[in-house]
PDB file of N, CA and C in Angstrom:
ATOM      1  N   MET A   1      52.222  49.816  65.961  1.00  0.00           N
ATOM      2  CA  MET A   1      53.398  49.189  65.250  1.00  0.00           C
ATOM      3  C   MET A   1      53.323  47.883  64.891  1.00  0.00           C
ATOM      4  N   ARG A   2      53.824  47.560  63.728  1.00  0.00           N
ATOM      5  CA  ARG A   2      53.630  46.155  63.211  1.00  0.00           C
ATOM      6  C   ARG A   2      55.083  45.430  63.156  1.00  0.00           C
ATOM      7  N   TYR A   3      55.248  44.450  63.435  1.00  0.00           N
ATOM      8  CA  TYR A   3      56.556  43.600  63.359  1.00  0.00           C
ATOM      9  C   TYR A   3      56.533  42.171  63.097  1.00  0.00           C
ATOM     10  N   VAL A   4      57.668  41.765  62.608  1.00  0.00           N
ATOM     11  CA  VAL A   4      57.654  40.187  62.537  1.00  0.00           C
ATOM     12  C   VAL A   4      58.618  39.411  63.245  1.00  0.00           C
ATOM     13  N   VAL A   5      58.538  38.248  63.830  1.00  0.00           N
ATOM     14  CA  VAL A   5      59.441  37.635  64.540  1.00  0.00           C
ATOM     15  C   VAL A   5      60.276  36.461  63.620  1.00  0.00           C
ATOM     16  N   VAL A   6      61.239  36.285  63.625  1.00  0.00           N
ATOM     17  CA  VAL A   6      62.056  35.315  62.797  1.00  0.00           C
ATOM     18  C   VAL A   6      62.577  34.234  63.853  1.00  0.00           C
ATOM     19  N   ILE A   7      62.313  33.123  63.773  1.00  0.00           N
ATOM     20  CA  ILE A   7      63.114  32.097  64.768  1.00  0.00           C
ATOM     21  C   ILE A   7      63.779  31.018  63.993  1.00  0.00           C
ATOM     22  N   PRO A   8      64.983  30.989  64.134  1.00  0.00           N
ATOM     23  CA  PRO A   8      65.680  29.743  63.325  1.00  0.00           C
ATOM     24  C   PRO A   8      65.446  28.579  64.464  1.00  0.00           C
ATOM     25  N   ALA A   9      65.307  27.417  64.018  1.00  0.00           N
ATOM     26  CA  ALA A   9      65.205  26.200  64.874  1.00  0.00           C
ATOM     27  C   ALA A   9      65.725  24.955  64.137  1.00  0.00           C
ATOM     28  N   LYS A  10      66.182  24.133  64.953  1.00  0.00           N
ATOM     29  CA  LYS A  10      66.793  22.779  64.675  1.00  0.00           C
ATOM     30  C   LYS A  10      66.465  21.726  65.879  1.00  0.00           C
ATOM     31  N   ASN A  11      65.544  20.835  65.960  1.00  0.00           N
ATOM     32  CA  ASN A  11      65.425  20.193  67.285  1.00  0.00           C
ATOM     33  C   ASN A  11      65.146  20.659  68.175  1.00  0.00           C
ATOM     34  N   GLU A  12      64.255  21.670  68.531  1.00  0.00           N
ATOM     35  CA  GLU A  12      63.939  22.456  69.555  1.00  0.00           C
ATOM     36  C   GLU A  12      62.593  22.043  70.403  1.00  0.00           C
ATOM     37  N   GLN A  13      62.074  20.841  70.190  1.00  0.00           N
ATOM     38  CA  GLN A  13      60.933  20.223  70.698  1.00  0.00           C
ATOM     39  C   GLN A  13      60.800  20.632  72.232  1.00  0.00           C
ATOM     40  N   GLU A  14      61.843  20.862  72.825  1.00  0.00           N
ATOM     41  CA  GLU A  14      61.865  20.976  74.485  1.00  0.00           C
ATOM     42  C   GLU A  14      61.199  22.421  74.842  1.00  0.00           C
ATOM     43  N   HIS A  15      61.727  23.588  73.886  1.00  0.00           N
ATOM     44  CA  HIS A  15      61.390  24.925  74.171  1.00  0.00           C
ATOM     45  C   HIS A  15      60.419  25.621  73.167  1.00  0.00           C
ATOM     46  N   ILE A  16      60.282  25.070  71.969  1.00  0.00           N
ATOM     47  CA  ILE A  16      59.673  25.908  71.044  1.00  0.00           C
ATOM     48  C   ILE A  16      58.259  26.163  71.256  1.00  0.00           C
ATOM     49  N   ARG A  17      57.448  25.251  71.775  1.00  0.00           N
ATOM     50  CA  ARG A  17      56.091  25.833  72.104  1.00  0.00           C
ATOM     51  C   ARG A  17      55.872  26.978  73.174  1.00  0.00           C
ATOM     52  N   GLU A  18      56.698  26.983  74.210  1.00  0.00           N
ATOM     53  CA  GLU A  18      56.724  28.015  75.081  1.00  0.00           C
ATOM     54  C   GLU A  18      57.372  29.398  74.823  1.00  0.00           C
ATOM     55  N   ALA A  19      58.370  29.143  73.748  1.00  0.00           N
ATOM     56  CA  ALA A  19      58.693  30.408  73.197  1.00  0.00           C
ATOM     57  C   ALA A  19      57.649  31.005  72.259  1.00  0.00           C
ATOM     58  N   ILE A  20      56.927  30.343  71.542  1.00  0.00           N
ATOM     59  CA  ILE A  20      56.144  30.953  70.633  1.00  0.00           C
ATOM     60  C   ILE A  20      54.976  31.394  71.361  1.00  0.00           C
ATOM     61  N   GLU A  21      54.348  30.461  72.151  1.00  0.00           N
ATOM     62  CA  GLU A  21      53.421  30.981  73.087  1.00  0.00           C
ATOM     63  C   GLU A  21      53.431  32.139  73.986  1.00  0.00           C
ATOM     64  N   SER A  22      54.596  32.390  74.391  1.00  0.00           N
ATOM     65  CA  SER A  22      55.271  33.634  75.166  1.00  0.00           C
ATOM     66  C   SER A  22      55.172  34.620  74.373  1.00  0.00           C
ATOM     67  N   ILE A  23      55.533  34.801  72.748  1.00  0.00           N
ATOM     68  CA  ILE A  23      55.646  35.748  71.737  1.00  0.00           C
ATOM     69  C   ILE A  23      54.213  36.257  71.349  1.00  0.00           C
ATOM     70  N   VAL A  24      53.463  34.982  71.045  1.00  0.00           N
ATOM     71  CA  VAL A  24      52.043  35.462  70.508  1.00  0.00           C
ATOM     72  C   VAL A  24      50.981  35.933  71.645  1.00  0.00           C
ATOM     73  N   LYS A  25      51.445  35.766  72.924  1.00  0.00           N
ATOM     74  CA  LYS A  25      50.577  36.241  74.002  1.00  0.00           C
ATOM     75  C   LYS A  25      50.884  37.640  74.445  1.00  0.00           C
ATOM     76  N   GLN A  26      51.818  38.136  73.978  1.00  0.00           N
ATOM     77  CA  GLN A  26      52.294  39.477  74.187  1.00  0.00           C
ATOM     78  C   GLN A  26      51.334  40.643  74.135  1.00  0.00           C
ATOM     79  N   GLY A  27      51.222  41.652  74.783  1.00  0.00           N
ATOM     80  CA  GLY A  27      50.312  42.998  74.706  1.00  0.00           C
ATOM     81  C   GLY A  27      49.973  43.405  73.442  1.00  0.00           C
ATOM     82  N   MET A  28      51.342  43.394  72.718  1.00  0.00           N
ATOM     83  CA  MET A  28      51.391  43.786  71.155  1.00  0.00           C
ATOM     84  C   MET A  28      51.926  42.609  70.260  1.00  0.00           C
ATOM     85  N   PRO A  29      51.307  41.385  70.044  1.00  0.00           N
ATOM     86  CA  PRO A  29      51.760  40.416  69.236  1.00  0.00           C
ATOM     87  C   PRO A  29      52.129  40.683  67.931  1.00  0.00           C
ATOM     88  N   PRO A  30      53.156  40.203  67.368  1.00  0.00           N
ATOM     89  CA  PRO A  30      53.787  40.258  66.150  1.00  0.00           C
ATOM     90  C   PRO A  30      52.534  40.017  64.974  1.00  0.00           C
ATOM     91  N   GLU A  31      52.785  40.496  63.864  1.00  0.00           N
ATOM     92  CA  GLU A  31      51.871  40.149  62.719  1.00  0.00           C
ATOM     93  C   GLU A  31      52.120  39.046  62.144  1.00  0.00           C
ATOM     94  N   LEU A  32      53.282  38.202  62.427  1.00  0.00           N
ATOM     95  CA  LEU A  32      53.883  37.177  61.774  1.00  0.00           C
ATOM     96  C   LEU A  32      54.978  36.504  62.654  1.00  0.00           C
ATOM     97  N   VAL A  33      54.883  35.304  62.836  1.00  0.00           N
ATOM     98  CA  VAL A  33      56.107  34.596  63.692  1.00  0.00           C
ATOM     99  C   VAL A  33      56.502  33.466  62.589  1.00  0.00           C
ATOM    100  N   MET A  34      57.365  33.709  62.011  1.00  0.00           N
ATOM    101  CA  MET A  34      58.268  32.700  60.994  1.00  0.00           C
ATOM    102  C   MET A  34      59.230  32.129  61.568  1.00  0.00           C
ATOM    103  N   VAL A  35      59.064  30.535  61.687  1.00  0.00           N
ATOM    104  CA  VAL A  35      59.830  29.463  62.153  1.00  0.00           C
ATOM    105  C   VAL A  35      60.681  29.059  61.064  1.00  0.00           C
ATOM    106  N   ILE A  36      62.009  29.197  61.025  1.00  0.00           N
ATOM    107  CA  ILE A  36      62.575  28.450  59.770  1.00  0.00           C
ATOM    108  C   ILE A  36      63.289  27.303  60.556  1.00  0.00           C
ATOM    109  N   ASP A  37      62.651  26.145  60.009  1.00  0.00           N
ATOM    110  CA  ASP A  37      63.003  24.936  60.721  1.00  0.00           C
ATOM    111  C   ASP A  37      64.267  24.251  59.591  1.00  0.00           C
ATOM    112  N   ASP A  38      65.381  24.000  60.290  1.00  0.00           N
ATOM    113  CA  ASP A  38      66.708  23.455  59.552  1.00  0.00           C
ATOM    114  C   ASP A  38      66.776  22.035  59.910  1.00  0.00           C
ATOM    115  N   HIS A  39      65.759  21.365  59.245  1.00  0.00           N
ATOM    116  CA  HIS A  39      65.688  19.941  59.199  1.00  0.00           C
ATOM    117  C   HIS A  39      65.684  19.298  60.651  1.00  0.00           C
ATOM    118  N   SER A  40      64.947  19.626  61.284  1.00  0.00           N
ATOM    119  CA  SER A  40      64.463  18.961  62.699  1.00  0.00           C
ATOM    120  C   SER A  40      64.358  17.467  62.372  1.00  0.00           C
ATOM    121  N   THR A  41      64.857  16.863  63.436  1.00  0.00           N
ATOM    122  CA  THR A  41      64.533  15.399  63.361  1.00  0.00           C
ATOM    123  C   THR A  41      63.935  14.910  64.504  1.00  0.00           C
ATOM    124  N   ASP A  42      63.363  15.970  65.544  1.00  0.00           N
ATOM    125  CA  ASP A  42      62.780  15.362  66.462  1.00  0.00           C
ATOM    126  C   ASP A  42      60.952  15.716  66.351  1.00  0.00           C
ATOM    127  N   ALA A  43      60.214  16.267  67.196  1.00  0.00           N
ATOM    128  CA  ALA A  43      58.966  16.454  66.829  1.00  0.00           C
ATOM    129  C   ALA A  43      58.790  18.064  66.687  1.00  0.00           C
ATOM    130  N   THR A  44      59.780  18.825  66.403  1.00  0.00           N
ATOM    131  CA  THR A  44      59.851  20.215  66.278  1.00  0.00           C
ATOM    132  C   THR A  44      58.590  20.505  65.166  1.00  0.00           C
ATOM    133  N   PRO A  45      58.708  19.868  63.833  1.00  0.00           N
ATOM    134  CA  PRO A  45      57.676  20.147  62.612  1.00  0.00           C
ATOM    135  C   PRO A  45      56.453  19.844  63.164  1.00  0.00           C
ATOM    136  N   GLU A  46      56.102  18.638  63.953  1.00  0.00           N
ATOM    137  CA  GLU A  46      54.668  18.598  64.585  1.00  0.00           C
ATOM    138  C   GLU A  46      54.225  19.776  65.249  1.00  0.00           C
ATOM    139  N   ILE A  47      55.025  19.979  66.496  1.00  0.00           N
ATOM    140  CA  ILE A  47      54.844  20.942  67.320  1.00  0.00           C
ATOM    141  C   ILE A  47      54.322  22.389  66.701  1.00  0.00           C
ATOM    142  N   LEU A  48      55.283  22.756  65.576  1.00  0.00           N
ATOM    143  CA  LEU A  48      54.888  23.836  64.775  1.00  0.00           C
ATOM    144  C   LEU A  48      53.693  23.923  63.979  1.00  0.00           C
ATOM    145  N   ARG A  49      53.138  22.523  63.258  1.00  0.00           N
ATOM    146  CA  ARG A  49      52.185  22.456  62.793  1.00  0.00           C
ATOM    147  C   ARG A  49      51.042  22.937  63.723  1.00  0.00           C
ATOM    148  N   ASP A  50      50.986  22.166  64.888  1.00  0.00           N
ATOM    149  CA  ASP A  50      49.951  22.350  65.878  1.00  0.00           C
ATOM    150  C   ASP A  50      49.946  23.911  66.215  1.00  0.00           C
ATOM    151  N   LEU A  51      50.996  24.422  66.494  1.00  0.00           N
ATOM    152  CA  LEU A  51      50.840  25.835  66.910  1.00  0.00           C
ATOM    153  C   LEU A  51      50.413  26.783  65.768  1.00  0.00           C
ATOM    154  N   GLY A  52      50.502  26.371  64.516  1.00  0.00           N
ATOM    155  CA  GLY A  52      50.026  27.186  63.162  1.00  0.00           C
ATOM    156  C   GLY A  52      48.415  26.986  63.345  1.00  0.00           C
ATOM    157  N   GLU A  53      48.066  25.737  63.755  1.00  0.00           N
ATOM    158  CA  GLU A  53      46.662  25.588  63.473  1.00  0.00           C
ATOM    159  C   GLU A  53      45.910  26.743  64.967  1.00  0.00           C
ATOM    160  N   THR A  54      46.650  26.634  65.999  1.00  0.00           N
ATOM    161  CA  THR A  54      46.141  27.356  66.971  1.00  0.00           C
ATOM    162  C   THR A  54      46.369  28.955  66.690  1.00  0.00           C
ATOM    163  N   TYR A  55      47.357  29.534  66.279  1.00  0.00           N
ATOM    164  CA  TYR A  55      47.868  30.689  66.077  1.00  0.00           C
ATOM    165  C   TYR A  55      48.103  30.873  64.553  1.00  0.00           C
ATOM    166  N   PRO A  56      47.126  31.363  63.796  1.00  0.00           N
ATOM    167  CA  PRO A  56      47.488  31.763  62.414  1.00  0.00           C
ATOM    168  C   PRO A  56      48.541  32.458  61.954  1.00  0.00           C
ATOM    169  N   SER A  57      49.092  33.491  63.050  1.00  0.00           N
ATOM    170  CA  SER A  57      50.219  34.152  62.671  1.00  0.00           C
ATOM    171  C   SER A  57      51.643  33.581  62.720  1.00  0.00           C
ATOM    172  N   VAL A  58      51.460  32.081  63.300  1.00  0.00           N
ATOM    173  CA  VAL A  58      52.722  31.256  63.319  1.00  0.00           C
ATOM    174  C   VAL A  58      52.801  30.546  62.156  1.00  0.00           C
ATOM    175  N   ARG A  59      53.998  30.556  61.227  1.00  0.00           N
ATOM    176  CA  ARG A  59      54.242  29.929  59.984  1.00  0.00           C
ATOM    177  C   ARG A  59      55.599  29.086  60.105  1.00  0.00           C
ATOM    178  N   GLN A  60      55.449  28.014  59.539  1.00  0.00           N
ATOM    179  CA  GLN A  60      56.866  27.216  59.689  1.00  0.00           C
ATOM    180  C   GLN A  60      57.294  27.074  58.201  1.00  0.00           C
ATOM    181  N   TYR A  61      58.495  27.300  57.785  1.00  0.00           N
ATOM    182  CA  TYR A  61      59.145  27.293  56.723  1.00  0.00           C
ATOM    183  C   TYR A  61      60.383  26.134  56.816  1.00  0.00           C
ATOM    184  N   ARG A  62      60.364  25.202  56.054  1.00  0.00           N
ATOM    185  CA  ARG A  62      61.622  24.196  56.256  1.00  0.00           C
ATOM    186  C   ARG A  62      62.558  24.581  54.991  1.00  0.00           C
ATOM    187  N   MET A  63      63.670  24.358  55.530  1.00  0.00           N
ATOM    188  CA  MET A  63      65.016  24.322  54.608  1.00  0.00           C
ATOM    189  C   MET A  63      64.855  23.551  53.551  1.00  0.00           C
ATOM    190  N   ASP A  64      65.639  23.859  52.436  1.00  0.00           N
ATOM    191  CA  ASP A  64      65.823  22.913  51.433  1.00  0.00           C
ATOM    192  C   ASP A  64      66.639  21.637  51.964  1.00  0.00           C
ATOM    193  N   ALA A  65      66.185  20.299  51.833  1.00  0.00           N
ATOM    194  CA  ALA A  65      67.116  19.300  52.261  1.00  0.00           C
ATOM    195  C   ALA A  65      68.283  19.152  51.736  1.00  0.00           C
ATOM    196  N   ASP A  66      68.782  19.661  50.596  1.00  0.00           N
ATOM    197  CA  ASP A  66      69.831  19.473  49.538  1.00  0.00           C
ATOM    198  C   ASP A  66      70.669  20.431  49.952  1.00  0.00           C
ATOM    199  N   ARG A  67      70.297  21.566  50.740  1.00  0.00           N
ATOM    200  CA  ARG A  67      71.360  22.491  50.874  1.00  0.00           C
ATOM    201  C   ARG A  67      72.349  22.027  52.376  1.00  0.00           C
ATOM    202  N   GLU A  68      73.657  22.370  52.128  1.00  0.00           N
ATOM    203  CA  GLU A  68      74.659  22.055  52.850  1.00  0.00           C
ATOM    204  C   GLU A  68      74.348  22.765  54.415  1.00  0.00           C
ATOM    205  N   SER A  69      74.482  22.353  55.361  1.00  0.00           N
ATOM    206  CA  SER A  69      74.190  22.898  56.801  1.00  0.00           C
ATOM    207  C   SER A  69      75.359  23.652  57.108  1.00  0.00           C
ATOM    208  N   VAL A  70      75.249  25.121  57.477  1.00  0.00           N
ATOM    209  CA  VAL A  70      76.255  25.840  57.783  1.00  0.00           C
ATOM    210  C   VAL A  70      76.002  26.782  59.241  1.00  0.00           C
ATOM    211  N   LEU A  71      76.362  26.197  60.375  1.00  0.00           N
ATOM    212  CA  LEU A  71      75.761  26.825  61.651  1.00  0.00           C
ATOM    213  C   LEU A  71      75.463  28.427  61.457  1.00  0.00           C
ATOM    214  N   GLY A  72      74.302  28.886  61.630  1.00  0.00           N
ATOM    215  CA  GLY A  72      74.060  30.095  61.464  1.00  0.00           C
ATOM    216  C   GLY A  72      74.124  30.873  60.066  1.00  0.00           C
ATOM    217  N   GLY A  73      74.384  30.123  58.938  1.00  0.00           N
ATOM    218  CA  GLY A  73      74.482  30.544  57.650  1.00  0.00           C
ATOM    219  C   GLY A  73      73.169  30.535  56.779  1.00  0.00           C
ATOM    220  N   HIS A  74      72.370  29.785  57.374  1.00  0.00           N
ATOM    221  CA  HIS A  74      71.103  29.873  56.588  1.00  0.00           C
ATOM    222  C   HIS A  74      70.092  31.029  56.617  1.00  0.00           C
ATOM    223  N   VAL A  75      69.966  31.525  57.970  1.00  0.00           N
ATOM    224  CA  VAL A  75      68.818  32.270  58.197  1.00  0.00           C
ATOM    225  C   VAL A  75      69.456  33.808  58.097  1.00  0.00           C
TER     226      VAL A  75
END
């Protein structure tokens, strides 16, 4: 079975590393972990870059800065 995990994230530096490492270390890990970063202002983008280097299946996508933020409306 092949599957993809999509994670919306904004300012999740406290939990994002643990969550993603838990996902990629599963017995049947996903083919791709897409993290959609909605303009984080904390260390979330840096953590995601580090995770992407360690786990090639982890990819970070940043929302366009000119889009209006609507809770739960982007992803």
